[in-house]
Amino acid sequence: MKFCSHNCGISSLESNLEACKLAIPFSNFICKGELLWMSMMLKFWNGSEEVGKSQGQNRFLCDGLSYPSSTKRIILSEDLDFVLVGSIKASPLSGRLQLVDSTGCIDVIVPDLPSNESLYGIYE
């Protein structure tokens, strides 16, 4: 998947339409994430993949079946086929770490890392 830079506004749309065609629709990004998540959960529910304590081992019963209540996974860039690029900043309100892109938009919220973590040593 390819992304274009964020300069595909209306003013540059007429002069550089080709660059804007490289931008992936956000719905495709969400669909890719949902498919990847469902695939991982099916592997887990079928017993072909184990989830450790750090990724959520708590379970609850629903109609006699056991399901993970809060399963968290780290998804590698290789599995997504693209890399999210931005800088990690702490939210002034919640203290949670956020991946912020060059437009200033928050792309990813990282709630699992402590707010006192060294931001210089964090990478994929």
PDB file of N, CA and C in Angstrom:
ATOM      1  N   MET A   1       0.840  -1.173   0.000  1.00  0.00           N
ATOM      2  CA  MET A   1       0.000   0.000   0.000  1.00  0.00           C
ATOM      3  C   MET A   1       0.883   1.232   0.000  1.00  0.00           C
ATOM      4  N   LYS A   2       0.451   2.250  -0.684  1.00  0.00           N
ATOM      5  CA  LYS A   2       1.225   3.478  -0.732  1.00  0.00           C
ATOM      6  C   LYS A   2       0.377   4.622  -0.208  1.00  0.00           C
ATOM      7  N   PHE A   3       1.035   5.547   0.457  1.00  0.00           N
ATOM      8  CA  PHE A   3       0.381   6.750   0.935  1.00  0.00           C
ATOM      9  C   PHE A   3       1.011   7.941   0.244  1.00  0.00           C
ATOM     10  N   CYS A   4       0.229   8.967   0.012  1.00  0.00           N
ATOM     11  CA  CYS A   4       0.819  10.195  -0.498  1.00  0.00           C
ATOM     12  C   CYS A   4       1.056  11.116   0.686  1.00  0.00           C
ATOM     13  N   SER A   5       1.801  12.186   0.461  1.00  0.00           N
ATOM     14  CA  SER A   5       2.009  13.154   1.526  1.00  0.00           C
ATOM     15  C   SER A   5       0.704  13.904   1.755  1.00  0.00           C
ATOM     16  N   HIS A   6       0.653  14.619   2.857  1.00  0.00           N
ATOM     17  CA  HIS A   6      -0.599  15.262   3.247  1.00  0.00           C
ATOM     18  C   HIS A   6      -0.873  16.562   2.508  1.00  0.00           C
ATOM     19  N   ASN A   7      -0.217  16.822   1.400  1.00  0.00           N
ATOM     20  CA  ASN A   7      -0.430  18.076   0.683  1.00  0.00           C
ATOM     21  C   ASN A   7      -1.409  17.903  -0.471  1.00  0.00           C
ATOM     22  N   CYS A   8      -2.396  17.069  -0.312  1.00  0.00           N
ATOM     23  CA  CYS A   8      -3.389  16.838  -1.365  1.00  0.00           C
ATOM     24  C   CYS A   8      -4.659  17.629  -1.089  1.00  0.00           C
ATOM     25  N   GLY A   9      -4.505  18.862  -0.660  1.00  0.00           N
ATOM     26  CA  GLY A   9      -5.662  19.701  -0.413  1.00  0.00           C
ATOM     27  C   GLY A   9      -6.326  20.117  -1.707  1.00  0.00           C
ATOM     28  N   ILE A  10      -7.415  20.844  -1.589  1.00  0.00           N
ATOM     29  CA  ILE A  10      -8.187  21.249  -2.764  1.00  0.00           C
ATOM     30  C   ILE A  10      -7.350  22.128  -3.688  1.00  0.00           C
ATOM     31  N   SER A  11      -6.502  22.998  -3.122  1.00  0.00           N
ATOM     32  CA  SER A  11      -5.709  23.894  -3.973  1.00  0.00           C
ATOM     33  C   SER A  11      -4.697  23.130  -4.816  1.00  0.00           C
ATOM     34  N   SER A  12      -4.120  22.055  -4.261  1.00  0.00           N
ATOM     35  CA  SER A  12      -3.137  21.291  -5.035  1.00  0.00           C
ATOM     36  C   SER A  12      -3.775  20.146  -5.803  1.00  0.00           C
ATOM     37  N   LEU A  13      -5.059  19.934  -5.624  1.00  0.00           N
ATOM     38  CA  LEU A  13      -5.741  18.808  -6.253  1.00  0.00           C
ATOM     39  C   LEU A  13      -5.722  18.917  -7.774  1.00  0.00           C
ATOM     40  N   GLU A  14      -5.956  20.129  -8.290  1.00  0.00           N
ATOM     41  CA  GLU A  14      -6.007  20.295  -9.735  1.00  0.00           C
ATOM     42  C   GLU A  14      -4.638  20.095 -10.374  1.00  0.00           C
ATOM     43  N   SER A  15      -3.584  20.568  -9.710  1.00  0.00           N
ATOM     44  CA  SER A  15      -2.258  20.513 -10.315  1.00  0.00           C
ATOM     45  C   SER A  15      -1.559  19.174 -10.113  1.00  0.00           C
ATOM     46  N   ASN A  16      -1.920  18.426  -9.077  1.00  0.00           N
ATOM     47  CA  ASN A  16      -1.186  17.200  -8.765  1.00  0.00           C
ATOM     48  C   ASN A  16      -2.141  16.074  -8.383  1.00  0.00           C
ATOM     49  N   LEU A  17      -3.042  15.733  -9.268  1.00  0.00           N
ATOM     50  CA  LEU A  17      -4.037  14.701  -8.992  1.00  0.00           C
ATOM     51  C   LEU A  17      -3.400  13.323  -8.875  1.00  0.00           C
ATOM     52  N   GLU A  18      -2.311  13.078  -9.594  1.00  0.00           N
ATOM     53  CA  GLU A  18      -1.661  11.766  -9.577  1.00  0.00           C
ATOM     54  C   GLU A  18      -1.168  11.401  -8.180  1.00  0.00           C
ATOM     55  N   ALA A  19      -0.599  12.367  -7.446  1.00  0.00           N
ATOM     56  CA  ALA A  19      -0.099  12.091  -6.096  1.00  0.00           C
ATOM     57  C   ALA A  19      -1.235  11.701  -5.165  1.00  0.00           C
ATOM     58  N   CYS A  20      -2.396  12.310  -5.348  1.00  0.00           N
ATOM     59  CA  CYS A  20      -3.525  12.007  -4.469  1.00  0.00           C
ATOM     60  C   CYS A  20      -4.074  10.608  -4.703  1.00  0.00           C
ATOM     61  N   LYS A  21      -3.842  10.048  -5.866  1.00  0.00           N
ATOM     62  CA  LYS A  21      -4.315   8.694  -6.130  1.00  0.00           C
ATOM     63  C   LYS A  21      -3.557   7.662  -5.302  1.00  0.00           C
ATOM     64  N   LEU A  22      -2.384   8.042  -4.773  1.00  0.00           N
ATOM     65  CA  LEU A  22      -1.599   7.120  -3.973  1.00  0.00           C
ATOM     66  C   LEU A  22      -2.110   7.013  -2.540  1.00  0.00           C
ATOM     67  N   ALA A  23      -2.978   7.916  -2.125  1.00  0.00           N
ATOM     68  CA  ALA A  23      -3.484   7.884  -0.754  1.00  0.00           C
ATOM     69  C   ALA A  23      -4.476   6.742  -0.594  1.00  0.00           C
ATOM     70  N   ILE A  24      -4.266   5.935   0.434  1.00  0.00           N
ATOM     71  CA  ILE A  24      -5.178   4.822   0.692  1.00  0.00           C
ATOM     72  C   ILE A  24      -6.437   5.367   1.363  1.00  0.00           C
ATOM     73  N   PRO A  25      -7.607   4.963   0.919  1.00  0.00           N
ATOM     74  CA  PRO A  25      -8.832   5.392   1.599  1.00  0.00           C
ATOM     75  C   PRO A  25      -8.838   4.875   3.035  1.00  0.00           C
ATOM     76  N   PHE A  26      -9.278   5.715   3.962  1.00  0.00           N
ATOM     77  CA  PHE A  26      -9.276   5.344   5.376  1.00  0.00           C
ATOM     78  C   PHE A  26     -10.113   4.095   5.622  1.00  0.00           C
ATOM     79  N   SER A  27     -11.186   3.922   4.858  1.00  0.00           N
ATOM     80  CA  SER A  27     -12.025   2.726   5.026  1.00  0.00           C
ATOM     81  C   SER A  27     -11.238   1.459   4.701  1.00  0.00           C
ATOM     82  N   ASN A  28     -10.312   1.527   3.735  1.00  0.00           N
ATOM     83  CA  ASN A  28      -9.472   0.364   3.425  1.00  0.00           C
ATOM     84  C   ASN A  28      -8.529   0.047   4.576  1.00  0.00           C
ATOM     85  N   PHE A  29      -7.999   1.089   5.222  1.00  0.00           N
ATOM     86  CA  PHE A  29      -7.124   0.896   6.375  1.00  0.00           C
ATOM     87  C   PHE A  29      -7.885   0.198   7.502  1.00  0.00           C
ATOM     88  N   ILE A  30      -9.105   0.649   7.765  1.00  0.00           N
ATOM     89  CA  ILE A  30      -9.926   0.040   8.826  1.00  0.00           C
ATOM     90  C   ILE A  30     -10.268  -1.398   8.454  1.00  0.00           C
ATOM     91  N   CYS A  31     -10.635  -1.636   7.206  1.00  0.00           N
ATOM     92  CA  CYS A  31     -10.988  -2.984   6.754  1.00  0.00           C
ATOM     93  C   CYS A  31      -9.795  -3.924   6.906  1.00  0.00           C
ATOM     94  N   LYS A  32      -8.603  -3.464   6.536  1.00  0.00           N
ATOM     95  CA  LYS A  32      -7.392  -4.283   6.667  1.00  0.00           C
ATOM     96  C   LYS A  32      -7.150  -4.639   8.130  1.00  0.00           C
ATOM     97  N   GLY A  33      -7.302  -3.668   9.021  1.00  0.00           N
ATOM     98  CA  GLY A  33      -7.120  -3.916  10.450  1.00  0.00           C
ATOM     99  C   GLY A  33      -8.139  -4.896  11.001  1.00  0.00           C
ATOM    100  N   GLU A  34      -9.402  -4.741  10.594  1.00  0.00           N
ATOM    101  CA  GLU A  34     -10.451  -5.656  11.060  1.00  0.00           C
ATOM    102  C   GLU A  34     -10.208  -7.080  10.573  1.00  0.00           C
ATOM    103  N   LEU A  35      -9.817  -7.240   9.309  1.00  0.00           N
ATOM    104  CA  LEU A  35      -9.543  -8.578   8.781  1.00  0.00           C
ATOM    105  C   LEU A  35      -8.369  -9.230   9.496  1.00  0.00           C
ATOM    106  N   LEU A  36      -7.332  -8.449   9.752  1.00  0.00           N
ATOM    107  CA  LEU A  36      -6.166  -8.966  10.458  1.00  0.00           C
ATOM    108  C   LEU A  36      -6.548  -9.382  11.874  1.00  0.00           C
ATOM    109  N   TRP A  37      -7.344  -8.557  12.554  1.00  0.00           N
ATOM    110  CA  TRP A  37      -7.777  -8.865  13.916  1.00  0.00           C
ATOM    111  C   TRP A  37      -8.648 -10.122  13.943  1.00  0.00           C
ATOM    112  N   MET A  38      -9.596 -10.228  13.034  1.00  0.00           N
ATOM    113  CA  MET A  38     -10.464 -11.416  13.002  1.00  0.00           C
ATOM    114  C   MET A  38      -9.655 -12.675  12.726  1.00  0.00           C
ATOM    115  N   SER A  39      -8.681 -12.580  11.843  1.00  0.00           N
ATOM    116  CA  SER A  39      -7.831 -13.726  11.545  1.00  0.00           C
ATOM    117  C   SER A  39      -7.066 -14.173  12.786  1.00  0.00           C
ATOM    118  N   MET A  40      -6.513 -13.207  13.530  1.00  0.00           N
ATOM    119  CA  MET A  40      -5.777 -13.550  14.748  1.00  0.00           C
ATOM    120  C   MET A  40      -6.702 -14.144  15.805  1.00  0.00           C
ATOM    121  N   MET A  41      -7.909 -13.598  15.939  1.00  0.00           N
ATOM    122  CA  MET A  41      -8.837 -14.108  16.954  1.00  0.00           C
ATOM    123  C   MET A  41      -9.331 -15.506  16.588  1.00  0.00           C
ATOM    124  N   LEU A  42      -9.558 -15.775  15.309  1.00  0.00           N
ATOM    125  CA  LEU A  42      -9.964 -17.122  14.897  1.00  0.00           C
ATOM    126  C   LEU A  42      -8.875 -18.140  15.208  1.00  0.00           C
ATOM    127  N   LYS A  43      -7.611 -17.769  14.965  1.00  0.00           N
ATOM    128  CA  LYS A  43      -6.505 -18.662  15.312  1.00  0.00           C
ATOM    129  C   LYS A  43      -6.485 -18.924  16.807  1.00  0.00           C
ATOM    130  N   PHE A  44      -6.710 -17.875  17.589  1.00  0.00           N
ATOM    131  CA  PHE A  44      -6.707 -18.019  19.045  1.00  0.00           C
ATOM    132  C   PHE A  44      -7.865 -18.896  19.507  1.00  0.00           C
ATOM    133  N   TRP A  45      -9.068 -18.629  19.003  1.00  0.00           N
ATOM    134  CA  TRP A  45     -10.252 -19.391  19.432  1.00  0.00           C
ATOM    135  C   TRP A  45     -10.179 -20.846  18.987  1.00  0.00           C
ATOM    136  N   ASN A  46      -9.531 -21.113  17.864  1.00  0.00           N
ATOM    137  CA  ASN A  46      -9.391 -22.488  17.390  1.00  0.00           C
ATOM    138  C   ASN A  46      -8.239 -23.217  18.071  1.00  0.00           C
ATOM    139  N   GLY A  47      -7.509 -22.520  18.927  1.00  0.00           N
ATOM    140  CA  GLY A  47      -6.445 -23.153  19.689  1.00  0.00           C
ATOM    141  C   GLY A  47      -5.123 -23.259  18.971  1.00  0.00           C
ATOM    142  N   SER A  48      -4.991 -22.658  17.786  1.00  0.00           N
ATOM    143  CA  SER A  48      -3.724 -22.761  17.065  1.00  0.00           C
ATOM    144  C   SER A  48      -2.746 -21.657  17.459  1.00  0.00           C
ATOM    145  N   GLU A  49      -3.169 -20.739  18.328  1.00  0.00           N
ATOM    146  CA  GLU A  49      -2.285 -19.668  18.774  1.00  0.00           C
ATOM    147  C   GLU A  49      -2.574 -19.375  20.231  1.00  0.00           C
ATOM    148  N   GLU A  50      -1.529 -19.209  21.027  1.00  0.00           N
ATOM    149  CA  GLU A  50      -1.695 -18.896  22.437  1.00  0.00           C
ATOM    150  C   GLU A  50      -1.475 -17.411  22.648  1.00  0.00           C
ATOM    151  N   VAL A  51      -2.208 -16.868  23.609  1.00  0.00           N
ATOM    152  CA  VAL A  51      -2.046 -15.472  23.985  1.00  0.00           C
ATOM    153  C   VAL A  51      -1.509 -15.451  25.400  1.00  0.00           C
ATOM    154  N   GLY A  52      -0.370 -14.810  25.588  1.00  0.00           N
ATOM    155  CA  GLY A  52       0.253 -14.765  26.905  1.00  0.00           C
ATOM    156  C   GLY A  52      -0.403 -13.762  27.825  1.00  0.00           C
ATOM    157  N   LYS A  53       0.080 -13.706  29.064  1.00  0.00           N
ATOM    158  CA  LYS A  53      -0.487 -12.806  30.061  1.00  0.00           C
ATOM    159  C   LYS A  53      -0.376 -11.353  29.639  1.00  0.00           C
ATOM    160  N   SER A  54       0.717 -10.984  29.006  1.00  0.00           N
ATOM    161  CA  SER A  54       0.902  -9.589  28.612  1.00  0.00           C
ATOM    162  C   SER A  54      -0.059  -9.173  27.506  1.00  0.00           C
ATOM    163  N   GLN A  55      -0.625 -10.128  26.786  1.00  0.00           N
ATOM    164  CA  GLN A  55      -1.533  -9.784  25.698  1.00  0.00           C
ATOM    165  C   GLN A  55      -2.979 -10.097  26.049  1.00  0.00           C
ATOM    166  N   GLY A  56      -3.248 -10.386  27.305  1.00  0.00           N
ATOM    167  CA  GLY A  56      -4.632 -10.547  27.739  1.00  0.00           C
ATOM    168  C   GLY A  56      -5.044 -11.987  27.864  1.00  0.00           C
ATOM    169  N   GLN A  57      -5.002 -12.523  29.074  1.00  0.00           N
ATOM    170  CA  GLN A  57      -5.382 -13.907  29.302  1.00  0.00           C
ATOM    171  C   GLN A  57      -6.731 -13.993  30.021  1.00  0.00           C
ATOM    172  N   ASN A  58      -7.288 -12.851  30.446  1.00  0.00           N
ATOM    173  CA  ASN A  58      -8.562 -12.864  31.158  1.00  0.00           C
ATOM    174  C   ASN A  58      -9.666 -13.340  30.233  1.00  0.00           C
ATOM    175  N   ARG A  59     -10.553 -14.190  30.770  1.00  0.00           N
ATOM    176  CA  ARG A  59     -11.631 -14.741  29.952  1.00  0.00           C
ATOM    177  C   ARG A  59     -12.958 -14.607  30.686  1.00  0.00           C
ATOM    178  N   PHE A  60     -14.041 -14.612  29.929  1.00  0.00           N
ATOM    179  CA  PHE A  60     -15.356 -14.695  30.535  1.00  0.00           C
ATOM    180  C   PHE A  60     -16.178 -15.688  29.743  1.00  0.00           C
ATOM    181  N   LEU A  61     -17.241 -16.192  30.361  1.00  0.00           N
ATOM    182  CA  LEU A  61     -18.088 -17.189  29.715  1.00  0.00           C
ATOM    183  C   LEU A  61     -19.335 -16.532  29.141  1.00  0.00           C
ATOM    184  N   CYS A  62     -19.712 -16.951  27.954  1.00  0.00           N
ATOM    185  CA  CYS A  62     -20.939 -16.499  27.308  1.00  0.00           C
ATOM    186  C   CYS A  62     -21.580 -17.728  26.687  1.00  0.00           C
ATOM    187  N   ASP A  63     -22.738 -18.110  27.162  1.00  0.00           N
ATOM    188  CA  ASP A  63     -23.411 -19.333  26.708  1.00  0.00           C
ATOM    189  C   ASP A  63     -22.515 -20.555  26.862  1.00  0.00           C
ATOM    190  N   GLY A  64     -21.732 -20.582  27.930  1.00  0.00           N
ATOM    191  CA  GLY A  64     -20.880 -21.732  28.206  1.00  0.00           C
ATOM    192  C   GLY A  64     -19.567 -21.735  27.460  1.00  0.00           C
ATOM    193  N   LEU A  65     -19.343 -20.752  26.597  1.00  0.00           N
ATOM    194  CA  LEU A  65     -18.095 -20.672  25.835  1.00  0.00           C
ATOM    195  C   LEU A  65     -17.173 -19.625  26.454  1.00  0.00           C
ATOM    196  N   SER A  66     -15.883 -19.885  26.408  1.00  0.00           N
ATOM    197  CA  SER A  66     -14.898 -18.975  26.964  1.00  0.00           C
ATOM    198  C   SER A  66     -14.382 -18.044  25.873  1.00  0.00           C
ATOM    199  N   TYR A  67     -14.377 -16.742  26.152  1.00  0.00           N
ATOM    200  CA  TYR A  67     -13.881 -15.743  25.211  1.00  0.00           C
ATOM    201  C   TYR A  67     -12.900 -14.820  25.925  1.00  0.00           C
ATOM    202  N   PRO A  68     -11.925 -14.292  25.211  1.00  0.00           N
ATOM    203  CA  PRO A  68     -11.033 -13.315  25.850  1.00  0.00           C
ATOM    204  C   PRO A  68     -11.799 -12.021  26.087  1.00  0.00           C
ATOM    205  N   SER A  69     -11.675 -11.462  27.282  1.00  0.00           N
ATOM    206  CA  SER A  69     -12.422 -10.242  27.585  1.00  0.00           C
ATOM    207  C   SER A  69     -11.698  -8.997  27.086  1.00  0.00           C
ATOM    208  N   SER A  70     -10.410  -9.012  27.148  1.00  0.00           N
ATOM    209  CA  SER A  70      -9.655  -7.844  26.719  1.00  0.00           C
ATOM    210  C   SER A  70      -8.341  -8.313  26.118  1.00  0.00           C
ATOM    211  N   THR A  71      -8.363  -8.663  24.873  1.00  0.00           N
ATOM    212  CA  THR A  71      -7.161  -9.163  24.220  1.00  0.00           C
ATOM    213  C   THR A  71      -6.482  -8.020  23.486  1.00  0.00           C
ATOM    214  N   LYS A  72      -5.217  -7.823  23.770  1.00  0.00           N
ATOM    215  CA  LYS A  72      -4.447  -6.775  23.112  1.00  0.00           C
ATOM    216  C   LYS A  72      -3.348  -7.446  22.319  1.00  0.00           C
ATOM    217  N   ARG A  73      -3.093  -6.940  21.146  1.00  0.00           N
ATOM    218  CA  ARG A  73      -2.055  -7.520  20.289  1.00  0.00           C
ATOM    219  C   ARG A  73      -1.171  -6.416  19.736  1.00  0.00           C
ATOM    220  N   ILE A  74       0.070  -6.751  19.543  1.00  0.00           N
ATOM    221  CA  ILE A  74       0.984  -5.872  18.822  1.00  0.00           C
ATOM    222  C   ILE A  74       0.988  -6.354  17.380  1.00  0.00           C
ATOM    223  N   ILE A  75       0.656  -5.470  16.466  1.00  0.00           N
ATOM    224  CA  ILE A  75       0.609  -5.825  15.051  1.00  0.00           C
ATOM    225  C   ILE A  75       1.823  -5.200  14.376  1.00  0.00           C
ATOM    226  N   LEU A  76       2.644  -6.036  13.786  1.00  0.00           N
ATOM    227  CA  LEU A  76       3.867  -5.569  13.146  1.00  0.00           C
ATOM    228  C   LEU A  76       3.576  -4.900  11.806  1.00  0.00           C
ATOM    229  N   SER A  77       4.458  -4.009  11.408  1.00  0.00           N
ATOM    230  CA  SER A  77       4.313  -3.323  10.123  1.00  0.00           C
ATOM    231  C   SER A  77       4.302  -4.305   8.963  1.00  0.00           C
ATOM    232  N   GLU A  78       5.063  -5.406   9.095  1.00  0.00           N
ATOM    233  CA  GLU A  78       5.105  -6.399   8.024  1.00  0.00           C
ATOM    234  C   GLU A  78       3.734  -7.036   7.815  1.00  0.00           C
ATOM    235  N   ASP A  79       2.965  -7.192   8.897  1.00  0.00           N
ATOM    236  CA  ASP A  79       1.627  -7.767   8.781  1.00  0.00           C
ATOM    237  C   ASP A  79       0.645  -6.783   8.167  1.00  0.00           C
ATOM    238  N   LEU A  80       0.842  -5.500   8.408  1.00  0.00           N
ATOM    239  CA  LEU A  80      -0.040  -4.478   7.852  1.00  0.00           C
ATOM    240  C   LEU A  80       0.316  -4.128   6.414  1.00  0.00           C
ATOM    241  N   ASP A  81       1.542  -4.387   6.015  1.00  0.00           N
ATOM    242  CA  ASP A  81       2.072  -4.008   4.699  1.00  0.00           C
ATOM    243  C   ASP A  81       2.306  -2.511   4.560  1.00  0.00           C
ATOM    244  N   PHE A  82       2.365  -1.783   5.655  1.00  0.00           N
ATOM    245  CA  PHE A  82       2.739  -0.376   5.627  1.00  0.00           C
ATOM    246  C   PHE A  82       3.231   0.031   7.005  1.00  0.00           C
ATOM    247  N   VAL A  83       3.823   1.200   7.077  1.00  0.00           N
ATOM    248  CA  VAL A  83       4.386   1.704   8.322  1.00  0.00           C
ATOM    249  C   VAL A  83       3.704   3.017   8.664  1.00  0.00           C
ATOM    250  N   LEU A  84       3.288   3.159   9.915  1.00  0.00           N
ATOM    251  CA  LEU A  84       2.771   4.437  10.385  1.00  0.00           C
ATOM    252  C   LEU A  84       3.965   5.294  10.784  1.00  0.00           C
ATOM    253  N   VAL A  85       4.018   6.517  10.284  1.00  0.00           N
ATOM    254  CA  VAL A  85       5.142   7.394  10.554  1.00  0.00           C
ATOM    255  C   VAL A  85       4.643   8.610  11.314  1.00  0.00           C
ATOM    256  N   GLY A  86       5.349   8.968  12.356  1.00  0.00           N
ATOM    257  CA  GLY A  86       4.989  10.138  13.137  1.00  0.00           C
ATOM    258  C   GLY A  86       5.893  10.239  14.342  1.00  0.00           C
ATOM    259  N   SER A  87       5.564  11.142  15.228  1.00  0.00           N
ATOM    260  CA  SER A  87       6.344  11.281  16.454  1.00  0.00           C
ATOM    261  C   SER A  87       5.459  10.921  17.639  1.00  0.00           C
ATOM    262  N   ILE A  88       6.086  10.379  18.674  1.00  0.00           N
ATOM    263  CA  ILE A  88       5.338   9.984  19.865  1.00  0.00           C
ATOM    264  C   ILE A  88       5.361  11.143  20.842  1.00  0.00           C
ATOM    265  N   LYS A  89       4.178  11.541  21.298  1.00  0.00           N
ATOM    266  CA  LYS A  89       4.035  12.635  22.258  1.00  0.00           C
ATOM    267  C   LYS A  89       3.082  12.192  23.356  1.00  0.00           C
ATOM    268  N   ALA A  90       3.244  12.766  24.524  1.00  0.00           N
ATOM    269  CA  ALA A  90       2.334  12.483  25.632  1.00  0.00           C
ATOM    270  C   ALA A  90       1.180  13.476  25.580  1.00  0.00           C
ATOM    271  N   SER A  91      -0.047  12.977  25.758  1.00  0.00           N
ATOM    272  CA  SER A  91      -1.223  13.837  25.789  1.00  0.00           C
ATOM    273  C   SER A  91      -1.188  14.680  27.057  1.00  0.00           C
ATOM    274  N   PRO A  92      -1.404  15.988  26.939  1.00  0.00           N
ATOM    275  CA  PRO A  92      -1.410  16.818  28.142  1.00  0.00           C
ATOM    276  C   PRO A  92      -2.606  16.520  29.052  1.00  0.00           C
ATOM    277  N   LEU A  93      -3.685  15.982  28.495  1.00  0.00           N
ATOM    278  CA  LEU A  93      -4.874  15.699  29.299  1.00  0.00           C
ATOM    279  C   LEU A  93      -4.814  14.342  29.993  1.00  0.00           C
ATOM    280  N   SER A  94      -4.545  13.288  29.227  1.00  0.00           N
ATOM    281  CA  SER A  94      -4.600  11.935  29.787  1.00  0.00           C
ATOM    282  C   SER A  94      -3.233  11.387  30.171  1.00  0.00           C
ATOM    283  N   GLY A  95      -2.175  11.935  29.612  1.00  0.00           N
ATOM    284  CA  GLY A  95      -0.841  11.405  29.860  1.00  0.00           C
ATOM    285  C   GLY A  95      -0.505  10.206  28.993  1.00  0.00           C
ATOM    286  N   ARG A  96      -1.458   9.736  28.189  1.00  0.00           N
ATOM    287  CA  ARG A  96      -1.208   8.592  27.309  1.00  0.00           C
ATOM    288  C   ARG A  96      -0.335   9.008  26.139  1.00  0.00           C
ATOM    289  N   LEU A  97       0.450   8.046  25.683  1.00  0.00           N
ATOM    290  CA  LEU A  97       1.307   8.313  24.535  1.00  0.00           C
ATOM    291  C   LEU A  97       0.493   8.221  23.253  1.00  0.00           C
ATOM    292  N   GLN A  98       0.800   9.109  22.299  1.00  0.00           N
ATOM    293  CA  GLN A  98       0.072   9.167  21.039  1.00  0.00           C
ATOM    294  C   GLN A  98       1.067   9.259  19.892  1.00  0.00           C
ATOM    295  N   LEU A  99       0.746   8.611  18.775  1.00  0.00           N
ATOM    296  CA  LEU A  99       1.533   8.757  17.554  1.00  0.00           C
ATOM    297  C   LEU A  99       0.886   9.870  16.744  1.00  0.00           C
ATOM    298  N   VAL A 100       1.604  10.959  16.556  1.00  0.00           N
ATOM    299  CA  VAL A 100       1.076  12.136  15.869  1.00  0.00           C
ATOM    300  C   VAL A 100       1.798  12.270  14.536  1.00  0.00           C
ATOM    301  N   ASP A 101       1.027  12.428  13.439  1.00  0.00           N
ATOM    302  CA  ASP A 101       1.659  12.551  12.124  1.00  0.00           C
ATOM    303  C   ASP A 101       2.043  14.001  11.841  1.00  0.00           C
ATOM    304  N   SER A 102       2.570  14.256  10.655  1.00  0.00           N
ATOM    305  CA  SER A 102       3.084  15.586  10.324  1.00  0.00           C
ATOM    306  C   SER A 102       1.995  16.649  10.227  1.00  0.00           C
ATOM    307  N   THR A 103       0.734  16.244  10.101  1.00  0.00           N
ATOM    308  CA  THR A 103      -0.353  17.223  10.063  1.00  0.00           C
ATOM    309  C   THR A 103      -0.818  17.596  11.458  1.00  0.00           C
ATOM    310  N   GLY A 104      -0.315  16.897  12.470  1.00  0.00           N
ATOM    311  CA  GLY A 104      -0.751  17.150  13.838  1.00  0.00           C
ATOM    312  C   GLY A 104      -1.917  16.284  14.251  1.00  0.00           C
ATOM    313  N   CYS A 105      -2.376  15.405  13.361  1.00  0.00           N
ATOM    314  CA  CYS A 105      -3.489  14.508  13.682  1.00  0.00           C
ATOM    315  C   CYS A 105      -2.973  13.319  14.487  1.00  0.00           C
ATOM    316  N   ILE A 106      -3.772  12.879  15.439  1.00  0.00           N
ATOM    317  CA  ILE A 106      -3.415  11.714  16.243  1.00  0.00           C
ATOM    318  C   ILE A 106      -3.815  10.473  15.465  1.00  0.00           C
ATOM    319  N   ASP A 107      -2.836   9.618  15.149  1.00  0.00           N
ATOM    320  CA  ASP A 107      -3.098   8.398  14.395  1.00  0.00           C
ATOM    321  C   ASP A 107      -3.325   7.201  15.304  1.00  0.00           C
ATOM    322  N   VAL A 108      -2.557   7.119  16.378  1.00  0.00           N
ATOM    323  CA  VAL A 108      -2.609   5.952  17.251  1.00  0.00           C
ATOM    324  C   VAL A 108      -2.467   6.426  18.686  1.00  0.00           C
ATOM    325  N   ILE A 109      -3.271   5.872  19.576  1.00  0.00           N
ATOM    326  CA  ILE A 109      -3.123   6.120  21.006  1.00  0.00           C
ATOM    327  C   ILE A 109      -2.471   4.893  21.602  1.00  0.00           C
ATOM    328  N   VAL A 110      -1.432   5.091  22.392  1.00  0.00           N
ATOM    329  CA  VAL A 110      -0.670   3.986  22.969  1.00  0.00           C
ATOM    330  C   VAL A 110      -0.919   3.974  24.476  1.00  0.00           C
ATOM    331  N   PRO A 111      -1.976   3.278  24.942  1.00  0.00           N
ATOM    332  CA  PRO A 111      -2.310   3.334  26.368  1.00  0.00           C
ATOM    333  C   PRO A 111      -1.489   2.410  27.252  1.00  0.00           C
ATOM    334  N   ASP A 112      -0.763   1.464  26.693  1.00  0.00           N
ATOM    335  CA  ASP A 112      -0.100   0.445  27.492  1.00  0.00           C
ATOM    336  C   ASP A 112       1.264   0.850  28.016  1.00  0.00           C
ATOM    337  N   LEU A 113       1.842   1.911  27.495  1.00  0.00           N
ATOM    338  CA  LEU A 113       3.161   2.330  27.939  1.00  0.00           C
ATOM    339  C   LEU A 113       3.019   3.366  29.045  1.00  0.00           C
ATOM    340  N   PRO A 114       3.839   3.275  30.081  1.00  0.00           N
ATOM    341  CA  PRO A 114       3.769   4.284  31.140  1.00  0.00           C
ATOM    342  C   PRO A 114       4.181   5.650  30.605  1.00  0.00           C
ATOM    343  N   SER A 115       3.585   6.703  31.144  1.00  0.00           N
ATOM    344  CA  SER A 115       3.860   8.047  30.635  1.00  0.00           C
ATOM    345  C   SER A 115       5.277   8.503  30.951  1.00  0.00           C
ATOM    346  N   ASN A 116       5.959   7.846  31.898  1.00  0.00           N
ATOM    347  CA  ASN A 116       7.329   8.232  32.218  1.00  0.00           C
ATOM    348  C   ASN A 116       8.357   7.461  31.389  1.00  0.00           C
ATOM    349  N   GLU A 117       7.905   6.700  30.399  1.00  0.00           N
ATOM    350  CA  GLU A 117       8.791   5.930  29.516  1.00  0.00           C
ATOM    351  C   GLU A 117       9.639   6.883  28.672  1.00  0.00           C
ATOM    352  N   SER A 118      10.890   6.530  28.436  1.00  0.00           N
ATOM    353  CA  SER A 118      11.762   7.333  27.580  1.00  0.00           C
ATOM    354  C   SER A 118      11.274   7.237  26.140  1.00  0.00           C
ATOM    355  N   LEU A 119      10.872   8.354  25.572  1.00  0.00           N
ATOM    356  CA  LEU A 119      10.331   8.365  24.215  1.00  0.00           C
ATOM    357  C   LEU A 119      11.413   8.165  23.165  1.00  0.00           C
ATOM    358  N   TYR A 120      12.686   8.345  23.529  1.00  0.00           N
ATOM    359  CA  TYR A 120      13.764   8.231  22.550  1.00  0.00           C
ATOM    360  C   TYR A 120      14.123   6.783  22.251  1.00  0.00           C
ATOM    361  N   GLY A 121      13.747   5.854  23.120  1.00  0.00           N
ATOM    362  CA  GLY A 121      14.099   4.455  22.910  1.00  0.00           C
ATOM    363  C   GLY A 121      12.973   3.623  22.346  1.00  0.00           C
ATOM    364  N   ILE A 122      11.878   4.263  21.950  1.00  0.00           N
ATOM    365  CA  ILE A 122      10.713   3.521  21.461  1.00  0.00           C
ATOM    366  C   ILE A 122      10.752   3.461  19.942  1.00  0.00           C
ATOM    367  N   TYR A 123      10.638   2.284  19.421  1.00  0.00           N
ATOM    368  CA  TYR A 123      10.485   2.068  17.990  1.00  0.00           C
ATOM    369  C   TYR A 123       9.617   0.844  17.838  1.00  0.00           C
ATOM    370  N   GLU A 124       9.379   0.384  16.621  1.00  0.00           N
ATOM    371  CA  GLU A 124       8.422  -0.688  16.363  1.00  0.00           C
ATOM    372  C   GLU A 124       8.574  -1.842  17.343  1.00  0.00           C
TER     373      GLU A 124
END
